[in-house]
PDB file of N, CA and C in Angstrom:
ATOM      1  N   MET A   1      60.935 215.995 232.832  1.00  0.00           N
ATOM      2  CA  MET A   1      60.767 216.327 231.444  1.00  0.00           C
ATOM      3  C   MET A   1      62.140 217.051 231.033  1.00  0.00           C
ATOM      4  N   ALA A   2      62.646 216.512 229.889  1.00  0.00           N
ATOM      5  CA  ALA A   2      63.857 217.127 229.316  1.00  0.00           C
ATOM      6  C   ALA A   2      63.593 218.340 228.588  1.00  0.00           C
ATOM      7  N   ARG A   3      64.611 219.254 228.653  1.00  0.00           N
ATOM      8  CA  ARG A   3      64.673 220.496 227.851  1.00  0.00           C
ATOM      9  C   ARG A   3      65.854 220.539 226.959  1.00  0.00           C
ATOM     10  N   THR A   4      65.718 220.818 225.709  1.00  0.00           N
ATOM     11  CA  THR A   4      66.769 220.848 224.797  1.00  0.00           C
ATOM     12  C   THR A   4      66.832 222.185 224.125  1.00  0.00           C
ATOM     13  N   THR A   5      68.028 222.816 223.928  1.00  0.00           N
ATOM     14  CA  THR A   5      68.082 224.025 223.243  1.00  0.00           C
ATOM     15  C   THR A   5      69.221 223.714 222.228  1.00  0.00           C
ATOM     16  N   THR A   6      68.894 224.166 220.999  1.00  0.00           N
ATOM     17  CA  THR A   6      69.838 223.956 219.938  1.00  0.00           C
ATOM     18  C   THR A   6      70.550 225.416 219.556  1.00  0.00           C
ATOM     19  N   LEU A   7      71.755 225.454 219.444  1.00  0.00           N
ATOM     20  CA  LEU A   7      72.524 226.757 219.144  1.00  0.00           C
ATOM     21  C   LEU A   7      73.308 226.443 217.934  1.00  0.00           C
ATOM     22  N   GLU A   8      73.468 227.459 217.201  1.00  0.00           N
ATOM     23  CA  GLU A   8      74.313 227.360 215.960  1.00  0.00           C
ATOM     24  C   GLU A   8      75.186 228.620 215.881  1.00  0.00           C
ATOM     25  N   LYS A   9      76.492 228.474 215.294  1.00  0.00           N
ATOM     26  CA  LYS A   9      77.474 229.579 215.044  1.00  0.00           C
ATOM     27  C   LYS A   9      77.889 229.406 213.722  1.00  0.00           C
ATOM     28  N   ASP A  10      77.877 230.515 212.976  1.00  0.00           N
ATOM     29  CA  ASP A  10      78.493 230.603 211.623  1.00  0.00           C
ATOM     30  C   ASP A  10      77.807 229.627 210.632  1.00  0.00           C
ATOM     31  N   GLY A  11      76.639 229.276 210.956  1.00  0.00           N
ATOM     32  CA  GLY A  11      75.799 228.416 210.044  1.00  0.00           C
ATOM     33  C   GLY A  11      76.347 226.996 209.988  1.00  0.00           C
ATOM     34  N   ALA A  12      77.474 226.600 210.563  1.00  0.00           N
ATOM     35  CA  ALA A  12      78.154 225.360 210.392  1.00  0.00           C
ATOM     36  C   ALA A  12      78.299 224.651 211.779  1.00  0.00           C
ATOM     37  N   GLN A  13      78.578 225.371 212.740  1.00  0.00           N
ATOM     38  CA  GLN A  13      78.808 224.738 214.101  1.00  0.00           C
ATOM     39  C   GLN A  13      77.295 224.515 214.713  1.00  0.00           C
ATOM     40  N   ARG A  14      77.252 223.568 215.461  1.00  0.00           N
ATOM     41  CA  ARG A  14      75.847 223.288 216.224  1.00  0.00           C
ATOM     42  C   ARG A  14      76.174 222.586 217.489  1.00  0.00           C
ATOM     43  N   ILE A  15      75.510 223.062 218.519  1.00  0.00           N
ATOM     44  CA  ILE A  15      75.548 222.441 219.834  1.00  0.00           C
ATOM     45  C   ILE A  15      74.274 222.387 220.490  1.00  0.00           C
ATOM     46  N   LEU A  16      74.055 221.451 221.463  1.00  0.00           N
ATOM     47  CA  LEU A  16      72.789 221.219 222.060  1.00  0.00           C
ATOM     48  C   LEU A  16      73.069 221.358 223.608  1.00  0.00           C
ATOM     49  N   VAL A  17      72.229 222.124 224.320  1.00  0.00           N
ATOM     50  CA  VAL A  17      72.187 222.141 225.720  1.00  0.00           C
ATOM     51  C   VAL A  17      70.940 221.285 226.192  1.00  0.00           C
ATOM     52  N   VAL A  18      71.176 220.284 226.923  1.00  0.00           N
ATOM     53  CA  VAL A  18      70.119 219.383 227.353  1.00  0.00           C
ATOM     54  C   VAL A  18      70.093 219.192 228.845  1.00  0.00           C
ATOM     55  N   THR A  19      68.978 219.421 229.386  1.00  0.00           N
ATOM     56  CA  THR A  19      68.711 219.285 230.824  1.00  0.00           C
ATOM     57  C   THR A  19      67.579 218.396 231.031  1.00  0.00           C
ATOM     58  N   ASP A  20      67.915 217.366 232.009  1.00  0.00           N
ATOM     59  CA  ASP A  20      66.959 216.456 232.534  1.00  0.00           C
ATOM     60  C   ASP A  20      67.265 216.108 233.896  1.00  0.00           C
ATOM     61  N   GLU A  21      66.845 214.987 234.439  1.00  0.00           N
ATOM     62  CA  GLU A  21      66.905 214.650 235.876  1.00  0.00           C
ATOM     63  C   GLU A  21      68.418 214.514 236.348  1.00  0.00           C
ATOM     64  N   ARG A  22      69.339 214.341 235.302  1.00  0.00           N
ATOM     65  CA  ARG A  22      70.679 214.101 235.601  1.00  0.00           C
ATOM     66  C   ARG A  22      71.362 215.498 235.701  1.00  0.00           C
ATOM     67  N   GLY A  23      70.801 216.528 235.303  1.00  0.00           N
ATOM     68  CA  GLY A  23      71.491 217.791 235.280  1.00  0.00           C
ATOM     69  C   GLY A  23      71.625 218.425 233.819  1.00  0.00           C
ATOM     70  N   THR A  24      72.451 219.257 233.531  1.00  0.00           N
ATOM     71  CA  THR A  24      72.592 219.896 232.291  1.00  0.00           C
ATOM     72  C   THR A  24      73.910 219.408 231.597  1.00  0.00           C
ATOM     73  N   ARG A  25      73.809 219.011 230.339  1.00  0.00           N
ATOM     74  CA  ARG A  25      74.898 218.762 229.490  1.00  0.00           C
ATOM     75  C   ARG A  25      74.930 219.621 228.222  1.00  0.00           C
ATOM     76  N   VAL A  26      76.079 219.858 227.771  1.00  0.00           N
ATOM     77  CA  VAL A  26      76.409 220.525 226.519  1.00  0.00           C
ATOM     78  C   VAL A  26      76.952 219.579 225.554  1.00  0.00           C
ATOM     79  N   LEU A  27      76.350 219.309 224.453  1.00  0.00           N
ATOM     80  CA  LEU A  27      76.896 218.307 223.565  1.00  0.00           C
ATOM     81  C   LEU A  27      77.207 218.982 222.165  1.00  0.00           C
ATOM     82  N   ASP A  28      78.333 218.490 221.453  1.00  0.00           N
ATOM     83  CA  ASP A  28      78.568 219.001 220.265  1.00  0.00           C
ATOM     84  C   ASP A  28      77.757 218.290 219.052  1.00  0.00           C
ATOM     85  N   GLU A  29      78.146 218.615 217.897  1.00  0.00           N
ATOM     86  CA  GLU A  29      77.343 218.039 216.767  1.00  0.00           C
ATOM     87  C   GLU A  29      77.359 216.439 216.631  1.00  0.00           C
ATOM     88  N   PHE A  30      78.492 215.991 217.321  1.00  0.00           N
ATOM     89  CA  PHE A  30      78.702 214.476 217.313  1.00  0.00           C
ATOM     90  C   PHE A  30      78.209 213.810 218.486  1.00  0.00           C
ATOM     91  N   ASP A  31      77.400 214.563 219.294  1.00  0.00           N
ATOM     92  CA  ASP A  31      76.917 214.143 220.642  1.00  0.00           C
ATOM     93  C   ASP A  31      77.973 213.812 221.687  1.00  0.00           C
ATOM     94  N   ASP A  32      79.171 214.422 221.430  1.00  0.00           N
ATOM     95  CA  ASP A  32      80.240 214.375 222.436  1.00  0.00           C
ATOM     96  C   ASP A  32      79.979 215.335 223.596  1.00  0.00           C
ATOM     97  N   VAL A  33      80.240 215.006 224.780  1.00  0.00           N
ATOM     98  CA  VAL A  33      79.913 215.871 225.922  1.00  0.00           C
ATOM     99  C   VAL A  33      80.985 217.023 225.971  1.00  0.00           C
ATOM    100  N   LEU A  34      80.565 218.231 225.911  1.00  0.00           N
ATOM    101  CA  LEU A  34      81.702 219.305 226.081  1.00  0.00           C
ATOM    102  C   LEU A  34      81.650 219.668 227.538  1.00  0.00           C
ATOM    103  N   THR A  35      80.499 219.742 228.194  1.00  0.00           N
ATOM    104  CA  THR A  35      80.426 220.328 229.532  1.00  0.00           C
ATOM    105  C   THR A  35      79.286 219.627 230.293  1.00  0.00           C
ATOM    106  N   THR A  36      79.435 219.277 231.583  1.00  0.00           N
ATOM    107  CA  THR A  36      78.282 218.744 232.403  1.00  0.00           C
ATOM    108  C   THR A  36      78.136 219.520 233.646  1.00  0.00           C
ATOM    109  N   TYR A  37      76.908 219.645 234.098  1.00  0.00           N
ATOM    110  CA  TYR A  37      76.575 220.177 235.402  1.00  0.00           C
ATOM    111  C   TYR A  37      75.644 219.222 236.124  1.00  0.00           C
ATOM    112  N   GLY A  38      75.869 219.027 237.341  1.00  0.00           N
ATOM    113  CA  GLY A  38      75.021 218.016 238.145  1.00  0.00           C
ATOM    114  C   GLY A  38      73.686 218.595 238.507  1.00  0.00           C
ATOM    115  N   ASP A  39      73.355 219.875 238.117  1.00  0.00           N
ATOM    116  CA  ASP A  39      72.130 220.436 238.445  1.00  0.00           C
ATOM    117  C   ASP A  39      71.674 221.159 237.255  1.00  0.00           C
ATOM    118  N   ASP A  40      70.477 221.843 237.367  1.00  0.00           N
ATOM    119  CA  ASP A  40      69.866 222.538 236.316  1.00  0.00           C
ATOM    120  C   ASP A  40      70.573 223.965 236.059  1.00  0.00           C
ATOM    121  N   ARG A  41      71.402 224.081 235.008  1.00  0.00           N
ATOM    122  CA  ARG A  41      72.028 225.262 234.660  1.00  0.00           C
ATOM    123  C   ARG A  41      71.834 225.658 233.253  1.00  0.00           C
ATOM    124  N   HIS A  42      70.673 225.209 232.790  1.00  0.00           N
ATOM    125  CA  HIS A  42      70.275 225.254 231.389  1.00  0.00           C
ATOM    126  C   HIS A  42      70.236 226.767 230.887  1.00  0.00           C
ATOM    127  N   ASP A  43      69.671 227.608 231.628  1.00  0.00           N
ATOM    128  CA  ASP A  43      69.524 228.976 231.232  1.00  0.00           C
ATOM    129  C   ASP A  43      70.886 229.686 231.239  1.00  0.00           C
ATOM    130  N   GLU A  44      71.793 229.288 232.275  1.00  0.00           N
ATOM    131  CA  GLU A  44      73.058 229.836 232.371  1.00  0.00           C
ATOM    132  C   GLU A  44      73.947 229.415 231.273  1.00  0.00           C
ATOM    133  N   ALA A  45      73.846 228.153 230.954  1.00  0.00           N
ATOM    134  CA  ALA A  45      74.614 227.625 229.811  1.00  0.00           C
ATOM    135  C   ALA A  45      74.262 228.355 228.378  1.00  0.00           C
ATOM    136  N   VAL A  46      72.949 228.359 228.214  1.00  0.00           N
ATOM    137  CA  VAL A  46      72.476 229.040 226.960  1.00  0.00           C
ATOM    138  C   VAL A  46      72.968 230.588 226.966  1.00  0.00           C
ATOM    139  N   ARG A  47      72.807 231.261 227.954  1.00  0.00           N
ATOM    140  CA  ARG A  47      73.250 232.686 228.007  1.00  0.00           C
ATOM    141  C   ARG A  47      74.760 232.751 227.853  1.00  0.00           C
ATOM    142  N   ASN A  48      75.485 231.869 228.294  1.00  0.00           N
ATOM    143  CA  ASN A  48      77.036 231.894 228.170  1.00  0.00           C
ATOM    144  C   ASN A  48      77.294 231.750 226.674  1.00  0.00           C
ATOM    145  N   TYR A  49      76.678 230.832 225.978  1.00  0.00           N
ATOM    146  CA  TYR A  49      77.011 230.539 224.500  1.00  0.00           C
ATOM    147  C   TYR A  49      76.413 231.678 223.696  1.00  0.00           C
ATOM    148  N   VAL A  50      75.247 232.283 224.024  1.00  0.00           N
ATOM    149  CA  VAL A  50      74.746 233.437 223.262  1.00  0.00           C
ATOM    150  C   VAL A  50      75.676 234.624 223.395  1.00  0.00           C
ATOM    151  N   ASN A  51      76.222 234.747 224.540  1.00  0.00           N
ATOM    152  CA  ASN A  51      77.242 235.822 224.778  1.00  0.00           C
ATOM    153  C   ASN A  51      78.515 235.590 223.977  1.00  0.00           C
ATOM    154  N   GLN A  52      78.762 234.422 223.545  1.00  0.00           N
ATOM    155  CA  GLN A  52      79.976 234.044 222.752  1.00  0.00           C
ATOM    156  C   GLN A  52      79.668 234.028 221.157  1.00  0.00           C
ATOM    157  N   GLY A  53      78.453 234.520 220.976  1.00  0.00           N
ATOM    158  CA  GLY A  53      78.064 234.639 219.590  1.00  0.00           C
ATOM    159  C   GLY A  53      77.222 233.554 218.902  1.00  0.00           C
ATOM    160  N   TRP A  54      76.843 232.524 219.685  1.00  0.00           N
ATOM    161  CA  TRP A  54      76.011 231.422 219.319  1.00  0.00           C
ATOM    162  C   TRP A  54      74.511 231.979 219.241  1.00  0.00           C
ATOM    163  N   VAL A  55      73.684 231.386 218.307  1.00  0.00           N
ATOM    164  CA  VAL A  55      72.278 231.782 218.065  1.00  0.00           C
ATOM    165  C   VAL A  55      71.377 230.592 218.482  1.00  0.00           C
ATOM    166  N   VAL A  56      70.304 230.871 219.228  1.00  0.00           N
ATOM    167  CA  VAL A  56      69.329 229.809 219.532  1.00  0.00           C
ATOM    168  C   VAL A  56      68.566 229.658 218.252  1.00  0.00           C
ATOM    169  N   VAL A  57      68.469 228.420 217.704  1.00  0.00           N
ATOM    170  CA  VAL A  57      67.673 227.965 216.647  1.00  0.00           C
ATOM    171  C   VAL A  57      66.438 227.060 216.964  1.00  0.00           C
ATOM    172  N   ALA A  58      66.472 226.465 218.180  1.00  0.00           N
ATOM    173  CA  ALA A  58      65.369 225.717 218.534  1.00  0.00           C
ATOM    174  C   ALA A  58      65.387 225.605 220.082  1.00  0.00           C
ATOM    175  N   ASP A  59      64.251 225.530 220.748  1.00  0.00           N
ATOM    176  CA  ASP A  59      64.176 225.481 222.218  1.00  0.00           C
ATOM    177  C   ASP A  59      62.950 224.600 222.569  1.00  0.00           C
ATOM    178  N   THR A  60      63.149 223.480 222.991  1.00  0.00           N
ATOM    179  CA  THR A  60      61.937 222.532 223.351  1.00  0.00           C
ATOM    180  C   THR A  60      62.053 222.025 224.692  1.00  0.00           C
TER     181      THR A  60
END
């Protein structure tokens, strides 16, 4: 089962952290891959972005 967290910054920037059987990927608002991990690093990735000022707006 995939997990997706949407984060927003300054009301204009949006990224997705997506984790599935392939690992964790961070995508920008155009679905371009910013970062990939070959394993589940979802919580770590979300925490890193929150520490940089991003806000979680959805988590499914």
